[in-house]
């Protein structure tokens, strides 16, 4: 799993924190924000982006399609507009399988 799970109970995350979650540059997140209309972070008085967990989940969908599945940005936009629920359910299955895999690997090491 290339991105880190969110364990914090914060309401808002800075763009730097979100970039660290996905191990990408903040500039990539700003670019995706402009390309994908599903991402609309709040901005404080200074104009700094403040991302919610929901925003991070949306980035996660884009990250999955573009970085893990190899979609182009246009392809990812099309996939999200046509079958967003399918992408979400596929990502949930992948997450569960990764958790099972890590559990089994841990179990193997203990034997």
PDB file of N, CA and C in Angstrom:
ATOM      1  N   UNK A   1       0.847  -1.174   0.000  1.00  0.00           N
ATOM      2  CA  UNK A   1       0.000   0.000   0.000  1.00  0.00           C
ATOM      3  C   UNK A   1       0.896   1.242   0.000  1.00  0.00           C
ATOM      4  N   UNK A   2       0.928   1.967  -1.111  1.00  0.00           N
ATOM      5  CA  UNK A   2       1.845   3.099  -1.222  1.00  0.00           C
ATOM      6  C   UNK A   2       1.450   4.320  -0.410  1.00  0.00           C
ATOM      7  N   UNK A   3       0.238   4.422   0.017  1.00  0.00           N
ATOM      8  CA  UNK A   3      -0.147   5.577   0.814  1.00  0.00           C
ATOM      9  C   UNK A   3      -0.340   5.154   2.256  1.00  0.00           C
ATOM     10  N   UNK A   4      -0.166   6.114   3.144  1.00  0.00           N
ATOM     11  CA  UNK A   4      -0.242   5.820   4.573  1.00  0.00           C
ATOM     12  C   UNK A   4      -1.681   5.977   5.059  1.00  0.00           C
ATOM     13  N   UNK A   5      -2.069   5.128   5.977  1.00  0.00           N
ATOM     14  CA  UNK A   5      -3.410   5.251   6.550  1.00  0.00           C
ATOM     15  C   UNK A   5      -3.463   6.438   7.491  1.00  0.00           C
ATOM     16  N   UNK A   6      -4.625   7.048   7.561  1.00  0.00           N
ATOM     17  CA  UNK A   6      -4.825   8.203   8.433  1.00  0.00           C
ATOM     18  C   UNK A   6      -5.226   7.686   9.809  1.00  0.00           C
ATOM     19  N   UNK A   7      -4.417   7.987  10.794  1.00  0.00           N
ATOM     20  CA  UNK A   7      -4.731   7.558  12.156  1.00  0.00           C
ATOM     21  C   UNK A   7      -5.119   8.727  13.037  1.00  0.00           C
ATOM     22  N   UNK A   8      -4.935   9.917  12.529  1.00  0.00           N
ATOM     23  CA  UNK A   8      -5.236  11.121  13.295  1.00  0.00           C
ATOM     24  C   UNK A   8      -6.739  11.400  13.307  1.00  0.00           C
ATOM     25  N   UNK A   9      -7.174  12.147  14.307  1.00  0.00           N
ATOM     26  CA  UNK A   9      -8.587  12.520  14.397  1.00  0.00           C
ATOM     27  C   UNK A   9      -8.788  13.992  14.031  1.00  0.00           C
ATOM     28  N   UNK A  10      -7.822  14.559  13.320  1.00  0.00           N
ATOM     29  CA  UNK A  10      -7.906  15.959  12.928  1.00  0.00           C
ATOM     30  C   UNK A  10      -9.070  16.169  11.961  1.00  0.00           C
ATOM     31  N   UNK A  11      -9.610  17.374  11.967  1.00  0.00           N
ATOM     32  CA  UNK A  11     -10.668  17.718  11.022  1.00  0.00           C
ATOM     33  C   UNK A  11     -10.091  18.158   9.683  1.00  0.00           C
ATOM     34  N   UNK A  12      -8.966  18.869   9.719  1.00  0.00           N
ATOM     35  CA  UNK A  12      -8.368  19.399   8.504  1.00  0.00           C
ATOM     36  C   UNK A  12      -6.886  19.066   8.441  1.00  0.00           C
ATOM     37  N   UNK A  13      -6.420  18.852   7.215  1.00  0.00           N
ATOM     38  CA  UNK A  13      -5.021  18.526   6.965  1.00  0.00           C
ATOM     39  C   UNK A  13      -4.456  19.530   5.966  1.00  0.00           C
ATOM     40  N   UNK A  14      -3.208  19.899   6.162  1.00  0.00           N
ATOM     41  CA  UNK A  14      -2.550  20.817   5.231  1.00  0.00           C
ATOM     42  C   UNK A  14      -2.171  20.049   3.969  1.00  0.00           C
ATOM     43  N   UNK A  15      -1.831  20.788   2.934  1.00  0.00           N
ATOM     44  CA  UNK A  15      -1.439  20.142   1.683  1.00  0.00           C
ATOM     45  C   UNK A  15      -0.144  19.345   1.872  1.00  0.00           C
ATOM     46  N   UNK A  16       0.729  19.806   2.756  1.00  0.00           N
ATOM     47  CA  UNK A  16       1.976  19.081   3.044  1.00  0.00           C
ATOM     48  C   UNK A  16       1.678  17.742   3.703  1.00  0.00           C
ATOM     49  N   UNK A  17       0.740  17.733   4.648  1.00  0.00           N
ATOM     50  CA  UNK A  17       0.369  16.480   5.310  1.00  0.00           C
ATOM     51  C   UNK A  17      -0.249  15.495   4.320  1.00  0.00           C
ATOM     52  N   UNK A  18      -1.101  15.985   3.438  1.00  0.00           N
ATOM     53  CA  UNK A  18      -1.731  15.117   2.440  1.00  0.00           C
ATOM     54  C   UNK A  18      -0.681  14.596   1.464  1.00  0.00           C
ATOM     55  N   UNK A  19       0.243  15.447   1.064  1.00  0.00           N
ATOM     56  CA  UNK A  19       1.322  15.019   0.164  1.00  0.00           C
ATOM     57  C   UNK A  19       2.161  13.925   0.825  1.00  0.00           C
ATOM     58  N   UNK A  20       2.408  14.044   2.130  1.00  0.00           N
ATOM     59  CA  UNK A  20       3.162  13.013   2.849  1.00  0.00           C
ATOM     60  C   UNK A  20       2.404  11.700   2.926  1.00  0.00           C
ATOM     61  N   UNK A  21       1.087  11.763   3.037  1.00  0.00           N
ATOM     62  CA  UNK A  21       0.269  10.545   3.077  1.00  0.00           C
ATOM     63  C   UNK A  21       0.463   9.733   1.799  1.00  0.00           C
ATOM     64  N   UNK A  22       0.503  10.431   0.662  1.00  0.00           N
ATOM     65  CA  UNK A  22       0.626   9.752  -0.629  1.00  0.00           C
ATOM     66  C   UNK A  22       2.055   9.699  -1.159  1.00  0.00           C
ATOM     67  N   UNK A  23       2.981  10.290  -0.422  1.00  0.00           N
ATOM     68  CA  UNK A  23       4.389  10.327  -0.819  1.00  0.00           C
ATOM     69  C   UNK A  23       4.557  10.941  -2.216  1.00  0.00           C
ATOM     70  N   UNK A  24       3.905  12.096  -2.402  1.00  0.00           N
ATOM     71  CA  UNK A  24       4.005  12.847  -3.655  1.00  0.00           C
ATOM     72  C   UNK A  24       4.308  14.306  -3.320  1.00  0.00           C
ATOM     73  N   UNK A  25       4.609  15.090  -4.329  1.00  0.00           N
ATOM     74  CA  UNK A  25       4.834  16.522  -4.129  1.00  0.00           C
ATOM     75  C   UNK A  25       3.504  17.252  -3.976  1.00  0.00           C
ATOM     76  N   UNK A  26       3.520  18.306  -3.196  1.00  0.00           N
ATOM     77  CA  UNK A  26       2.317  19.111  -3.021  1.00  0.00           C
ATOM     78  C   UNK A  26       1.861  19.705  -4.350  1.00  0.00           C
ATOM     79  N   UNK A  27       2.809  19.974  -5.246  1.00  0.00           N
ATOM     80  CA  UNK A  27       2.450  20.540  -6.545  1.00  0.00           C
ATOM     81  C   UNK A  27       1.570  19.584  -7.353  1.00  0.00           C
ATOM     82  N   UNK A  28       1.795  18.285  -7.202  1.00  0.00           N
ATOM     83  CA  UNK A  28       0.952  17.303  -7.889  1.00  0.00           C
ATOM     84  C   UNK A  28      -0.482  17.371  -7.362  1.00  0.00           C
ATOM     85  N   UNK A  29      -0.636  17.524  -6.066  1.00  0.00           N
ATOM     86  CA  UNK A  29      -1.974  17.636  -5.488  1.00  0.00           C
ATOM     87  C   UNK A  29      -2.673  18.903  -5.961  1.00  0.00           C
ATOM     88  N   UNK A  30      -1.933  20.002  -6.037  1.00  0.00           N
ATOM     89  CA  UNK A  30      -2.520  21.244  -6.548  1.00  0.00           C
ATOM     90  C   UNK A  30      -2.941  21.074  -8.007  1.00  0.00           C
ATOM     91  N   UNK A  31      -2.127  20.367  -8.777  1.00  0.00           N
ATOM     92  CA  UNK A  31      -2.450  20.111 -10.178  1.00  0.00           C
ATOM     93  C   UNK A  31      -3.718  19.261 -10.286  1.00  0.00           C
ATOM     94  N   UNK A  32      -3.780  18.173  -9.514  1.00  0.00           N
ATOM     95  CA  UNK A  32      -4.972  17.323  -9.534  1.00  0.00           C
ATOM     96  C   UNK A  32      -6.206  18.094  -9.090  1.00  0.00           C
ATOM     97  N   UNK A  33      -6.039  18.989  -8.141  1.00  0.00           N
ATOM     98  CA  UNK A  33      -7.163  19.812  -7.679  1.00  0.00           C
ATOM     99  C   UNK A  33      -7.742  20.610  -8.842  1.00  0.00           C
ATOM    100  N   UNK A  34      -6.873  21.136  -9.695  1.00  0.00           N
ATOM    101  CA  UNK A  34      -7.334  21.888 -10.856  1.00  0.00           C
ATOM    102  C   UNK A  34      -7.931  21.011 -11.938  1.00  0.00           C
ATOM    103  N   UNK A  35      -7.454  19.777 -12.038  1.00  0.00           N
ATOM    104  CA  UNK A  35      -7.911  18.875 -13.086  1.00  0.00           C
ATOM    105  C   UNK A  35      -9.207  18.134 -12.739  1.00  0.00           C
ATOM    106  N   UNK A  36      -9.386  17.807 -11.480  1.00  0.00           N
ATOM    107  CA  UNK A  36     -10.547  17.015 -11.056  1.00  0.00           C
ATOM    108  C   UNK A  36     -11.498  17.895 -10.254  1.00  0.00           C
ATOM    109  N   UNK A  37     -12.714  18.020 -10.735  1.00  0.00           N
ATOM    110  CA  UNK A  37     -13.676  18.899 -10.059  1.00  0.00           C
ATOM    111  C   UNK A  37     -14.277  18.288  -8.800  1.00  0.00           C
ATOM    112  N   UNK A  38     -13.926  17.042  -8.475  1.00  0.00           N
ATOM    113  CA  UNK A  38     -14.449  16.440  -7.238  1.00  0.00           C
ATOM    114  C   UNK A  38     -13.682  16.925  -6.014  1.00  0.00           C
ATOM    115  N   UNK A  39     -12.542  17.562  -6.231  1.00  0.00           N
ATOM    116  CA  UNK A  39     -11.725  18.037  -5.107  1.00  0.00           C
ATOM    117  C   UNK A  39     -11.919  19.536  -4.941  1.00  0.00           C
ATOM    118  N   UNK A  40     -12.525  19.910  -3.842  1.00  0.00           N
ATOM    119  CA  UNK A  40     -12.772  21.322  -3.519  1.00  0.00           C
ATOM    120  C   UNK A  40     -12.411  21.575  -2.061  1.00  0.00           C
ATOM    121  N   UNK A  41     -11.121  21.770  -1.761  1.00  0.00           N
ATOM    122  CA  UNK A  41     -10.752  21.992  -0.362  1.00  0.00           C
ATOM    123  C   UNK A  41     -11.203  23.366   0.125  1.00  0.00           C
ATOM    124  N   UNK A  42     -11.393  23.459   1.417  1.00  0.00           N
ATOM    125  CA  UNK A  42     -11.669  24.758   2.022  1.00  0.00           C
ATOM    126  C   UNK A  42     -10.353  25.517   2.067  1.00  0.00           C
ATOM    127  N   UNK A  43     -10.447  26.834   2.102  1.00  0.00           N
ATOM    128  CA  UNK A  43      -9.245  27.645   2.229  1.00  0.00           C
ATOM    129  C   UNK A  43      -9.438  28.592   3.403  1.00  0.00           C
ATOM    130  N   UNK A  44      -8.365  28.773   4.169  1.00  0.00           N
ATOM    131  CA  UNK A  44      -8.452  29.699   5.299  1.00  0.00           C
ATOM    132  C   UNK A  44      -8.252  31.136   4.805  1.00  0.00           C
ATOM    133  N   UNK A  45      -8.209  32.074   5.720  1.00  0.00           N
ATOM    134  CA  UNK A  45      -8.094  33.494   5.344  1.00  0.00           C
ATOM    135  C   UNK A  45      -6.806  33.791   4.582  1.00  0.00           C
ATOM    136  N   UNK A  46      -5.764  33.017   4.866  1.00  0.00           N
ATOM    137  CA  UNK A  46      -4.490  33.206   4.168  1.00  0.00           C
ATOM    138  C   UNK A  46      -4.498  32.571   2.779  1.00  0.00           C
ATOM    139  N   UNK A  47      -5.517  31.752   2.499  1.00  0.00           N
ATOM    140  CA  UNK A  47      -5.579  31.062   1.210  1.00  0.00           C
ATOM    141  C   UNK A  47      -4.971  29.678   1.229  1.00  0.00           C
ATOM    142  N   UNK A  48      -4.571  29.205   2.421  1.00  0.00           N
ATOM    143  CA  UNK A  48      -4.017  27.853   2.536  1.00  0.00           C
ATOM    144  C   UNK A  48      -5.133  26.824   2.406  1.00  0.00           C
ATOM    145  N   UNK A  49      -4.844  25.771   1.669  1.00  0.00           N
ATOM    146  CA  UNK A  49      -5.821  24.701   1.494  1.00  0.00           C
ATOM    147  C   UNK A  49      -5.943  23.893   2.780  1.00  0.00           C
ATOM    148  N   UNK A  50      -7.186  23.538   3.120  1.00  0.00           N
ATOM    149  CA  UNK A  50      -7.456  22.707   4.297  1.00  0.00           C
ATOM    150  C   UNK A  50      -8.296  21.528   3.827  1.00  0.00           C
ATOM    151  N   UNK A  51      -7.694  20.338   3.854  1.00  0.00           N
ATOM    152  CA  UNK A  51      -8.328  19.137   3.330  1.00  0.00           C
ATOM    153  C   UNK A  51      -8.984  18.331   4.441  1.00  0.00           C
ATOM    154  N   UNK A  52     -10.177  17.826   4.165  1.00  0.00           N
ATOM    155  CA  UNK A  52     -10.875  16.946   5.096  1.00  0.00           C
ATOM    156  C   UNK A  52     -10.523  15.501   4.752  1.00  0.00           C
ATOM    157  N   UNK A  53     -10.955  14.578   5.601  1.00  0.00           N
ATOM    158  CA  UNK A  53     -10.739  13.159   5.303  1.00  0.00           C
ATOM    159  C   UNK A  53     -11.465  12.762   4.019  1.00  0.00           C
ATOM    160  N   UNK A  54     -12.603  13.385   3.773  1.00  0.00           N
ATOM    161  CA  UNK A  54     -13.348  13.120   2.537  1.00  0.00           C
ATOM    162  C   UNK A  54     -12.527  13.550   1.314  1.00  0.00           C
ATOM    163  N   UNK A  55     -11.874  14.701   1.411  1.00  0.00           N
ATOM    164  CA  UNK A  55     -10.997  15.151   0.321  1.00  0.00           C
ATOM    165  C   UNK A  55      -9.857  14.157   0.109  1.00  0.00           C
ATOM    166  N   UNK A  56      -9.307  13.660   1.197  1.00  0.00           N
ATOM    167  CA  UNK A  56      -8.199  12.710   1.106  1.00  0.00           C
ATOM    168  C   UNK A  56      -8.663  11.416   0.443  1.00  0.00           C
ATOM    169  N   UNK A  57      -9.881  10.988   0.748  1.00  0.00           N
ATOM    170  CA  UNK A  57     -10.427   9.785   0.097  1.00  0.00           C
ATOM    171  C   UNK A  57     -10.591  10.014  -1.403  1.00  0.00           C
ATOM    172  N   UNK A  58     -10.966  11.209  -1.797  1.00  0.00           N
ATOM    173  CA  UNK A  58     -11.078  11.524  -3.219  1.00  0.00           C
ATOM    174  C   UNK A  58      -9.707  11.499  -3.887  1.00  0.00           C
ATOM    175  N   UNK A  59      -8.702  12.038  -3.202  1.00  0.00           N
ATOM    176  CA  UNK A  59      -7.335  11.944  -3.717  1.00  0.00           C
ATOM    177  C   UNK A  59      -6.919  10.488  -3.843  1.00  0.00           C
ATOM    178  N   UNK A  60      -7.361   9.705  -2.898  1.00  0.00           N
ATOM    179  CA  UNK A  60      -7.012   8.280  -2.902  1.00  0.00           C
ATOM    180  C   UNK A  60      -7.551   7.585  -4.150  1.00  0.00           C
ATOM    181  N   UNK A  61      -8.774   7.929  -4.537  1.00  0.00           N
ATOM    182  CA  UNK A  61      -9.350   7.362  -5.762  1.00  0.00           C
ATOM    183  C   UNK A  61      -8.527   7.763  -6.985  1.00  0.00           C
ATOM    184  N   UNK A  62      -8.182   9.041  -7.042  1.00  0.00           N
ATOM    185  CA  UNK A  62      -7.388   9.537  -8.173  1.00  0.00           C
ATOM    186  C   UNK A  62      -6.008   8.885  -8.171  1.00  0.00           C
ATOM    187  N   UNK A  63      -5.382   8.813  -7.000  1.00  0.00           N
ATOM    188  CA  UNK A  63      -4.062   8.193  -6.863  1.00  0.00           C
ATOM    189  C   UNK A  63      -4.114   6.742  -7.343  1.00  0.00           C
ATOM    190  N   UNK A  64      -5.149   6.036  -6.935  1.00  0.00           N
ATOM    191  CA  UNK A  64      -5.305   4.629  -7.323  1.00  0.00           C
ATOM    192  C   UNK A  64      -5.402   4.488  -8.842  1.00  0.00           C
ATOM    193  N   UNK A  65      -6.234   5.306  -9.453  1.00  0.00           N
ATOM    194  CA  UNK A  65      -6.422   5.199 -10.898  1.00  0.00           C
ATOM    195  C   UNK A  65      -5.181   5.628 -11.673  1.00  0.00           C
ATOM    196  N   UNK A  66      -4.579   6.746 -11.280  1.00  0.00           N
ATOM    197  CA  UNK A  66      -3.471   7.310 -12.056  1.00  0.00           C
ATOM    198  C   UNK A  66      -2.143   6.624 -11.748  1.00  0.00           C
ATOM    199  N   UNK A  67      -1.807   6.504 -10.481  1.00  0.00           N
ATOM    200  CA  UNK A  67      -0.479   6.001 -10.106  1.00  0.00           C
ATOM    201  C   UNK A  67      -0.413   4.471 -10.034  1.00  0.00           C
ATOM    202  N   UNK A  68      -1.489   3.843  -9.576  1.00  0.00           N
ATOM    203  CA  UNK A  68      -1.446   2.388  -9.409  1.00  0.00           C
ATOM    204  C   UNK A  68      -1.984   1.634 -10.626  1.00  0.00           C
ATOM    205  N   UNK A  69      -3.026   2.148 -11.229  1.00  0.00           N
ATOM    206  CA  UNK A  69      -3.631   1.459 -12.372  1.00  0.00           C
ATOM    207  C   UNK A  69      -3.124   1.979 -13.713  1.00  0.00           C
ATOM    208  N   UNK A  70      -2.436   3.128 -13.726  1.00  0.00           N
ATOM    209  CA  UNK A  70      -1.833   3.632 -14.946  1.00  0.00           C
ATOM    210  C   UNK A  70      -2.770   4.388 -15.878  1.00  0.00           C
ATOM    211  N   UNK A  71      -3.884   4.873 -15.361  1.00  0.00           N
ATOM    212  CA  UNK A  71      -4.805   5.649 -16.185  1.00  0.00           C
ATOM    213  C   UNK A  71      -4.184   7.004 -16.517  1.00  0.00           C
ATOM    214  N   UNK A  72      -4.558   7.550 -17.669  1.00  0.00           N
ATOM    215  CA  UNK A  72      -4.227   8.936 -17.959  1.00  0.00           C
ATOM    216  C   UNK A  72      -5.185   9.804 -17.148  1.00  0.00           C
ATOM    217  N   UNK A  73      -4.909  11.096 -17.065  1.00  0.00           N
ATOM    218  CA  UNK A  73      -5.825  11.974 -16.326  1.00  0.00           C
ATOM    219  C   UNK A  73      -7.201  11.973 -16.975  1.00  0.00           C
ATOM    220  N   UNK A  74      -7.239  12.009 -18.307  1.00  0.00           N
ATOM    221  CA  UNK A  74      -8.534  11.975 -19.007  1.00  0.00           C
ATOM    222  C   UNK A  74      -9.250  10.662 -18.727  1.00  0.00           C
ATOM    223  N   UNK A  75      -8.509   9.557 -18.754  1.00  0.00           N
ATOM    224  CA  UNK A  75      -9.099   8.247 -18.482  1.00  0.00           C
ATOM    225  C   UNK A  75      -9.634   8.159 -17.060  1.00  0.00           C
ATOM    226  N   UNK A  76      -8.893   8.720 -16.115  1.00  0.00           N
ATOM    227  CA  UNK A  76      -9.330   8.709 -14.717  1.00  0.00           C
ATOM    228  C   UNK A  76     -10.591   9.555 -14.544  1.00  0.00           C
ATOM    229  N   UNK A  77     -10.636  10.714 -15.198  1.00  0.00           N
ATOM    230  CA  UNK A  77     -11.837  11.565 -15.129  1.00  0.00           C
ATOM    231  C   UNK A  77     -13.042  10.831 -15.676  1.00  0.00           C
ATOM    232  N   UNK A  78     -12.848  10.166 -16.813  1.00  0.00           N
ATOM    233  CA  UNK A  78     -13.935   9.422 -17.445  1.00  0.00           C
ATOM    234  C   UNK A  78     -14.407   8.279 -16.555  1.00  0.00           C
ATOM    235  N   UNK A  79     -13.469   7.543 -15.995  1.00  0.00           N
ATOM    236  CA  UNK A  79     -13.805   6.410 -15.123  1.00  0.00           C
ATOM    237  C   UNK A  79     -14.577   6.889 -13.896  1.00  0.00           C
ATOM    238  N   UNK A  80     -14.141   7.985 -13.293  1.00  0.00           N
ATOM    239  CA  UNK A  80     -14.827   8.513 -12.111  1.00  0.00           C
ATOM    240  C   UNK A  80     -16.215   9.036 -12.455  1.00  0.00           C
ATOM    241  N   UNK A  81     -16.372   9.613 -13.633  1.00  0.00           N
ATOM    242  CA  UNK A  81     -17.690  10.139 -14.001  1.00  0.00           C
ATOM    243  C   UNK A  81     -18.648   9.014 -14.384  1.00  0.00           C
ATOM    244  N   UNK A  82     -18.128   7.948 -14.973  1.00  0.00           N
ATOM    245  CA  UNK A  82     -18.985   6.846 -15.410  1.00  0.00           C
ATOM    246  C   UNK A  82     -19.315   5.870 -14.292  1.00  0.00           C
ATOM    247  N   UNK A  83     -18.308   5.517 -13.487  1.00  0.00           N
ATOM    248  CA  UNK A  83     -18.533   4.447 -12.506  1.00  0.00           C
ATOM    249  C   UNK A  83     -17.730   4.668 -11.237  1.00  0.00           C
ATOM    250  N   UNK A  84     -17.979   5.778 -10.561  1.00  0.00           N
ATOM    251  CA  UNK A  84     -17.254   6.101  -9.331  1.00  0.00           C
ATOM    252  C   UNK A  84     -17.480   5.033  -8.264  1.00  0.00           C
ATOM    253  N   UNK A  85     -18.717   4.530  -8.149  1.00  0.00           N
ATOM    254  CA  UNK A  85     -19.002   3.517  -7.123  1.00  0.00           C
ATOM    255  C   UNK A  85     -18.239   2.225  -7.383  1.00  0.00           C
ATOM    256  N   UNK A  86     -18.027   1.894  -8.647  1.00  0.00           N
ATOM    257  CA  UNK A  86     -17.253   0.700  -8.988  1.00  0.00           C
ATOM    258  C   UNK A  86     -15.794   0.871  -8.573  1.00  0.00           C
ATOM    259  N   UNK A  87     -15.255   2.049  -8.807  1.00  0.00           N
ATOM    260  CA  UNK A  87     -13.873   2.339  -8.420  1.00  0.00           C
ATOM    261  C   UNK A  87     -13.733   2.255  -6.901  1.00  0.00           C
ATOM    262  N   UNK A  88     -14.703   2.810  -6.183  1.00  0.00           N
ATOM    263  CA  UNK A  88     -14.671   2.780  -4.711  1.00  0.00           C
ATOM    264  C   UNK A  88     -14.722   1.345  -4.210  1.00  0.00           C
ATOM    265  N   UNK A  89     -15.628   0.530  -4.765  1.00  0.00           N
ATOM    266  CA  UNK A  89     -15.734  -0.855  -4.284  1.00  0.00           C
ATOM    267  C   UNK A  89     -14.482  -1.653  -4.636  1.00  0.00           C
ATOM    268  N   UNK A  90     -13.892  -1.414  -5.803  1.00  0.00           N
ATOM    269  CA  UNK A  90     -12.644  -2.098  -6.162  1.00  0.00           C
ATOM    270  C   UNK A  90     -11.516  -1.719  -5.209  1.00  0.00           C
ATOM    271  N   UNK A  91     -11.452  -0.441  -4.858  1.00  0.00           N
ATOM    272  CA  UNK A  91     -10.420   0.027  -3.932  1.00  0.00           C
ATOM    273  C   UNK A  91     -10.608  -0.584  -2.540  1.00  0.00           C
ATOM    274  N   UNK A  92     -11.857  -0.728  -2.103  1.00  0.00           N
ATOM    275  CA  UNK A  92     -12.134  -1.362  -0.807  1.00  0.00           C
ATOM    276  C   UNK A  92     -11.693  -2.814  -0.805  1.00  0.00           C
ATOM    277  N   UNK A  93     -11.951  -3.530  -1.899  1.00  0.00           N
ATOM    278  CA  UNK A  93     -11.527  -4.927  -2.003  1.00  0.00           C
ATOM    279  C   UNK A  93     -10.005  -5.020  -1.968  1.00  0.00           C
ATOM    280  N   UNK A  94      -9.336  -4.128  -2.694  1.00  0.00           N
ATOM    281  CA  UNK A  94      -7.872  -4.117  -2.706  1.00  0.00           C
ATOM    282  C   UNK A  94      -7.325  -3.856  -1.303  1.00  0.00           C
ATOM    283  N   UNK A  95      -7.930  -2.913  -0.590  1.00  0.00           N
ATOM    284  CA  UNK A  95      -7.504  -2.619   0.789  1.00  0.00           C
ATOM    285  C   UNK A  95      -7.645  -3.843   1.683  1.00  0.00           C
ATOM    286  N   UNK A  96      -8.786  -4.525   1.586  1.00  0.00           N
ATOM    287  CA  UNK A  96      -9.003  -5.723   2.408  1.00  0.00           C
ATOM    288  C   UNK A  96      -7.996  -6.812   2.070  1.00  0.00           C
ATOM    289  N   UNK A  97      -7.735  -7.011   0.782  1.00  0.00           N
ATOM    290  CA  UNK A  97      -6.764  -8.020   0.378  1.00  0.00           C
ATOM    291  C   UNK A  97      -5.353  -7.676   0.861  1.00  0.00           C
ATOM    292  N   UNK A  98      -5.001  -6.394   0.826  1.00  0.00           N
ATOM    293  CA  UNK A  98      -3.687  -5.976   1.335  1.00  0.00           C
ATOM    294  C   UNK A  98      -3.562  -6.213   2.831  1.00  0.00           C
ATOM    295  N   UNK A  99      -4.652  -5.983   3.576  1.00  0.00           N
ATOM    296  CA  UNK A  99      -4.624  -6.244   5.019  1.00  0.00           C
ATOM    297  C   UNK A  99      -4.476  -7.734   5.301  1.00  0.00           C
ATOM    298  N   UNK A 100      -5.163  -8.561   4.529  1.00  0.00           N
ATOM    299  CA  UNK A 100      -5.045 -10.011   4.686  1.00  0.00           C
ATOM    300  C   UNK A 100      -3.627 -10.458   4.355  1.00  0.00           C
ATOM    301  N   UNK A 101      -3.078  -9.903   3.284  1.00  0.00           N
ATOM    302  CA  UNK A 101      -1.710 -10.241   2.876  1.00  0.00           C
ATOM    303  C   UNK A 101      -0.712  -9.896   3.971  1.00  0.00           C
ATOM    304  N   UNK A 102      -0.832  -8.679   4.533  1.00  0.00           N
ATOM    305  CA  UNK A 102       0.124  -8.291   5.577  1.00  0.00           C
ATOM    306  C   UNK A 102      -0.049  -9.157   6.824  1.00  0.00           C
ATOM    307  N   UNK A 103      -1.286  -9.527   7.152  1.00  0.00           N
ATOM    308  CA  UNK A 103      -1.520 -10.419   8.285  1.00  0.00           C
ATOM    309  C   UNK A 103      -0.861 -11.768   8.045  1.00  0.00           C
ATOM    310  N   UNK A 104      -1.036 -12.315   6.845  1.00  0.00           N
ATOM    311  CA  UNK A 104      -0.458 -13.627   6.536  1.00  0.00           C
ATOM    312  C   UNK A 104       1.073 -13.579   6.526  1.00  0.00           C
ATOM    313  N   UNK A 105       1.640 -12.483   6.014  1.00  0.00           N
ATOM    314  CA  UNK A 105       3.094 -12.354   6.036  1.00  0.00           C
ATOM    315  C   UNK A 105       3.635 -12.256   7.454  1.00  0.00           C
ATOM    316  N   UNK A 106       2.914 -11.531   8.292  1.00  0.00           N
ATOM    317  CA  UNK A 106       3.300 -11.432   9.697  1.00  0.00           C
ATOM    318  C   UNK A 106       3.225 -12.796  10.378  1.00  0.00           C
ATOM    319  N   UNK A 107       2.172 -13.514  10.072  1.00  0.00           N
ATOM    320  CA  UNK A 107       1.979 -14.844  10.627  1.00  0.00           C
ATOM    321  C   UNK A 107       3.094 -15.787  10.180  1.00  0.00           C
ATOM    322  N   UNK A 108       3.476 -15.694   8.921  1.00  0.00           N
ATOM    323  CA  UNK A 108       4.553 -16.518   8.370  1.00  0.00           C
ATOM    324  C   UNK A 108       5.872 -16.247   9.076  1.00  0.00           C
ATOM    325  N   UNK A 109       6.152 -14.973   9.381  1.00  0.00           N
ATOM    326  CA  UNK A 109       7.387 -14.614  10.068  1.00  0.00           C
ATOM    327  C   UNK A 109       7.427 -15.171  11.485  1.00  0.00           C
ATOM    328  N   UNK A 110       6.272 -15.253  12.112  1.00  0.00           N
ATOM    329  CA  UNK A 110       6.209 -15.738  13.501  1.00  0.00           C
ATOM    330  C   UNK A 110       6.362 -17.246  13.580  1.00  0.00           C
ATOM    331  N   UNK A 111       6.117 -17.957  12.478  1.00  0.00           N
ATOM    332  CA  UNK A 111       6.230 -19.424  12.502  1.00  0.00           C
ATOM    333  C   UNK A 111       7.636 -19.909  12.431  1.00  0.00           C
TER     334      UNK A 111
END
